[in-house]
Amino acid sequence: MIINYIIFAIRLFRRDKFHSALNIIGLSTGIAYDILIFFGTAIAALIVAFLTASYHCLRVLELTR
C-alpha cells in the first residue's frame, strides 16, 4: 500500500512540477519555522529558569551577610 502512495506521488510530481515544488517548499519552510520556534521557546525557558535561580542565590547571600 505504501508503494502505491509513493508511485502516485511520483506521478503527480512528474505531471505538475510547479505545484509539487511549491508544496515541498511550503512544507520545508513550515518545518523550519516550527523548529526555530521550539528552540526559541526552550532557550527562553532556560533563561527564565536561570534568572529565577540566580535571584534566589543572590537573596540567600544577602541574608547571610
N, C-alpha and C. Protein backbone atom coordinates (compact mmCIF):
# COMPACT_ATOMS: atom_id res chain seq x y z
N MET A 1 0.82 -1.19 0.00
CA MET A 1 0.00 0.00 0.00
C MET A 1 0.87 1.26 0.00
N ILE A 2 1.94 1.24 0.77
CA ILE A 2 2.81 2.41 0.81
C ILE A 2 3.50 2.61 -0.54
N ILE A 3 3.84 1.51 -1.20
CA ILE A 3 4.47 1.62 -2.53
C ILE A 3 3.52 2.29 -3.51
N ASN A 4 2.23 2.00 -3.39
CA ASN A 4 1.25 2.66 -4.26
C ASN A 4 1.22 4.17 -4.02
N TYR A 5 1.31 4.58 -2.76
CA TYR A 5 1.35 6.01 -2.44
C TYR A 5 2.59 6.66 -3.02
N ILE A 6 3.73 5.99 -2.94
CA ILE A 6 4.98 6.53 -3.47
C ILE A 6 4.89 6.67 -4.99
N ILE A 7 4.38 5.65 -5.64
CA ILE A 7 4.23 5.70 -7.10
C ILE A 7 3.27 6.82 -7.51
N PHE A 8 2.19 6.96 -6.74
CA PHE A 8 1.22 8.03 -7.02
C PHE A 8 1.85 9.40 -6.85
N ALA A 9 2.65 9.56 -5.80
CA ALA A 9 3.32 10.85 -5.56
C ALA A 9 4.32 11.16 -6.67
N ILE A 10 5.04 10.16 -7.13
CA ILE A 10 5.99 10.37 -8.22
C ILE A 10 5.27 10.78 -9.50
N ARG A 11 4.14 10.15 -9.78
CA ARG A 11 3.36 10.51 -10.97
C ARG A 11 2.86 11.95 -10.89
N LEU A 12 2.36 12.33 -9.70
CA LEU A 12 1.87 13.70 -9.55
C LEU A 12 3.02 14.70 -9.67
N PHE A 13 4.18 14.36 -9.14
CA PHE A 13 5.33 15.26 -9.24
C PHE A 13 5.74 15.45 -10.69
N ARG A 14 5.73 14.38 -11.44
CA ARG A 14 6.11 14.48 -12.86
C ARG A 14 5.07 15.28 -13.66
N ARG A 15 3.81 15.12 -13.29
CA ARG A 15 2.74 15.76 -14.05
C ARG A 15 2.65 17.26 -13.75
N ASP A 16 2.77 17.63 -12.48
CA ASP A 16 2.59 19.02 -12.09
C ASP A 16 3.75 19.46 -11.20
N LYS A 17 4.85 19.81 -11.84
CA LYS A 17 6.09 20.11 -11.12
C LYS A 17 6.01 21.40 -10.31
N PHE A 18 5.33 22.40 -10.84
CA PHE A 18 5.26 23.68 -10.13
C PHE A 18 4.54 23.55 -8.80
N HIS A 19 3.37 22.94 -8.80
CA HIS A 19 2.61 22.80 -7.56
C HIS A 19 3.32 21.84 -6.59
N SER A 20 3.96 20.83 -7.11
CA SER A 20 4.70 19.92 -6.24
C SER A 20 5.87 20.64 -5.57
N ALA A 21 6.60 21.44 -6.34
CA ALA A 21 7.71 22.19 -5.77
C ALA A 21 7.21 23.22 -4.76
N LEU A 22 6.10 23.86 -5.07
CA LEU A 22 5.51 24.83 -4.15
C LEU A 22 5.10 24.16 -2.84
N ASN A 23 4.51 22.99 -2.91
CA ASN A 23 4.12 22.26 -1.70
C ASN A 23 5.34 21.83 -0.90
N ILE A 24 6.37 21.37 -1.57
CA ILE A 24 7.58 20.94 -0.87
C ILE A 24 8.27 22.13 -0.20
N ILE A 25 8.34 23.26 -0.88
CA ILE A 25 8.94 24.46 -0.30
C ILE A 25 8.13 24.93 0.90
N GLY A 26 6.82 24.91 0.78
CA GLY A 26 5.97 25.32 1.90
C GLY A 26 6.10 24.40 3.09
N LEU A 27 6.18 23.11 2.84
CA LEU A 27 6.34 22.14 3.93
C LEU A 27 7.68 22.31 4.62
N SER A 28 8.74 22.47 3.84
CA SER A 28 10.07 22.62 4.45
C SER A 28 10.18 23.93 5.21
N THR A 29 9.57 24.99 4.70
CA THR A 29 9.58 26.27 5.41
C THR A 29 8.81 26.16 6.72
N GLY A 30 7.67 25.51 6.69
CA GLY A 30 6.87 25.34 7.91
C GLY A 30 7.60 24.52 8.96
N ILE A 31 8.25 23.46 8.55
CA ILE A 31 9.00 22.64 9.49
C ILE A 31 10.18 23.42 10.06
N ALA A 32 10.85 24.20 9.22
CA ALA A 32 11.98 25.01 9.70
C ALA A 32 11.52 26.03 10.73
N TYR A 33 10.41 26.71 10.48
CA TYR A 33 9.91 27.68 11.45
C TYR A 33 9.45 27.00 12.74
N ASP A 34 8.85 25.82 12.63
CA ASP A 34 8.47 25.09 13.85
C ASP A 34 9.68 24.76 14.70
N ILE A 35 10.76 24.33 14.06
CA ILE A 35 11.99 24.02 14.80
C ILE A 35 12.56 25.27 15.45
N LEU A 36 12.57 26.39 14.72
CA LEU A 36 13.07 27.65 15.28
C LEU A 36 12.22 28.10 16.47
N ILE A 37 10.92 28.00 16.36
CA ILE A 37 10.04 28.39 17.47
C ILE A 37 10.26 27.47 18.66
N PHE A 38 10.41 26.18 18.42
CA PHE A 38 10.64 25.24 19.51
C PHE A 38 11.93 25.57 20.26
N PHE A 39 13.02 25.77 19.51
CA PHE A 39 14.29 26.07 20.16
C PHE A 39 14.27 27.46 20.81
N GLY A 40 13.58 28.40 20.22
CA GLY A 40 13.47 29.73 20.82
C GLY A 40 12.74 29.69 22.15
N THR A 41 11.65 28.95 22.22
CA THR A 41 10.93 28.86 23.48
C THR A 41 11.70 28.04 24.51
N ALA A 42 12.44 27.03 24.07
CA ALA A 42 13.25 26.25 25.00
C ALA A 42 14.36 27.10 25.60
N ILE A 43 15.00 27.92 24.78
CA ILE A 43 16.07 28.79 25.28
C ILE A 43 15.49 29.84 26.21
N ALA A 44 14.32 30.38 25.87
CA ALA A 44 13.68 31.37 26.74
C ALA A 44 13.32 30.76 28.09
N ALA A 45 12.85 29.52 28.09
CA ALA A 45 12.52 28.85 29.35
C ALA A 45 13.78 28.61 30.18
N LEU A 46 14.88 28.26 29.53
CA LEU A 46 16.13 28.07 30.27
C LEU A 46 16.63 29.38 30.87
N ILE A 47 16.50 30.46 30.13
CA ILE A 47 16.93 31.77 30.64
C ILE A 47 16.08 32.18 31.84
N VAL A 48 14.78 31.97 31.74
CA VAL A 48 13.90 32.32 32.85
C VAL A 48 14.22 31.47 34.07
N ALA A 49 14.46 30.19 33.88
CA ALA A 49 14.81 29.32 35.00
C ALA A 49 16.13 29.75 35.62
N PHE A 50 17.09 30.13 34.81
CA PHE A 50 18.39 30.57 35.33
C PHE A 50 18.25 31.88 36.10
N LEU A 51 17.47 32.81 35.56
CA LEU A 51 17.33 34.10 36.22
C LEU A 51 16.59 33.97 37.55
N THR A 52 15.59 33.13 37.61
CA THR A 52 14.88 32.95 38.88
C THR A 52 15.77 32.25 39.90
N ALA A 53 16.59 31.33 39.46
CA ALA A 53 17.50 30.65 40.37
C ALA A 53 18.59 31.60 40.84
N SER A 54 19.08 32.48 39.98
CA SER A 54 20.12 33.42 40.39
C SER A 54 19.57 34.44 41.38
N TYR A 55 18.31 34.80 41.25
CA TYR A 55 17.70 35.72 42.19
C TYR A 55 17.67 35.10 43.59
N HIS A 56 17.32 33.82 43.67
CA HIS A 56 17.28 33.15 44.97
C HIS A 56 18.68 33.04 45.56
N CYS A 57 19.65 32.76 44.73
CA CYS A 57 21.02 32.66 45.23
C CYS A 57 21.49 34.01 45.76
N LEU A 58 21.19 35.07 45.05
CA LEU A 58 21.59 36.41 45.48
C LEU A 58 20.90 36.76 46.79
N ARG A 59 19.66 36.39 46.91
CA ARG A 59 18.89 36.71 48.12
C ARG A 59 19.45 35.97 49.31
N VAL A 60 19.84 34.71 49.13
CA VAL A 60 20.42 33.94 50.23
C VAL A 60 21.75 34.56 50.65
N LEU A 61 22.56 34.98 49.69
CA LEU A 61 23.83 35.61 50.04
C LEU A 61 23.63 36.93 50.78
N GLU A 62 22.62 37.68 50.42
CA GLU A 62 22.37 38.94 51.10
C GLU A 62 21.89 38.72 52.53
N LEU A 63 21.11 37.68 52.74
CA LEU A 63 20.59 37.41 54.07
C LEU A 63 21.65 36.86 55.01
N THR A 64 22.64 36.18 54.48
CA THR A 64 23.67 35.59 55.34
C THR A 64 24.74 36.58 55.73
N ARG A 65 24.84 37.70 55.11
CA ARG A 65 25.89 38.68 55.42
C ARG A 65 25.58 39.45 56.64
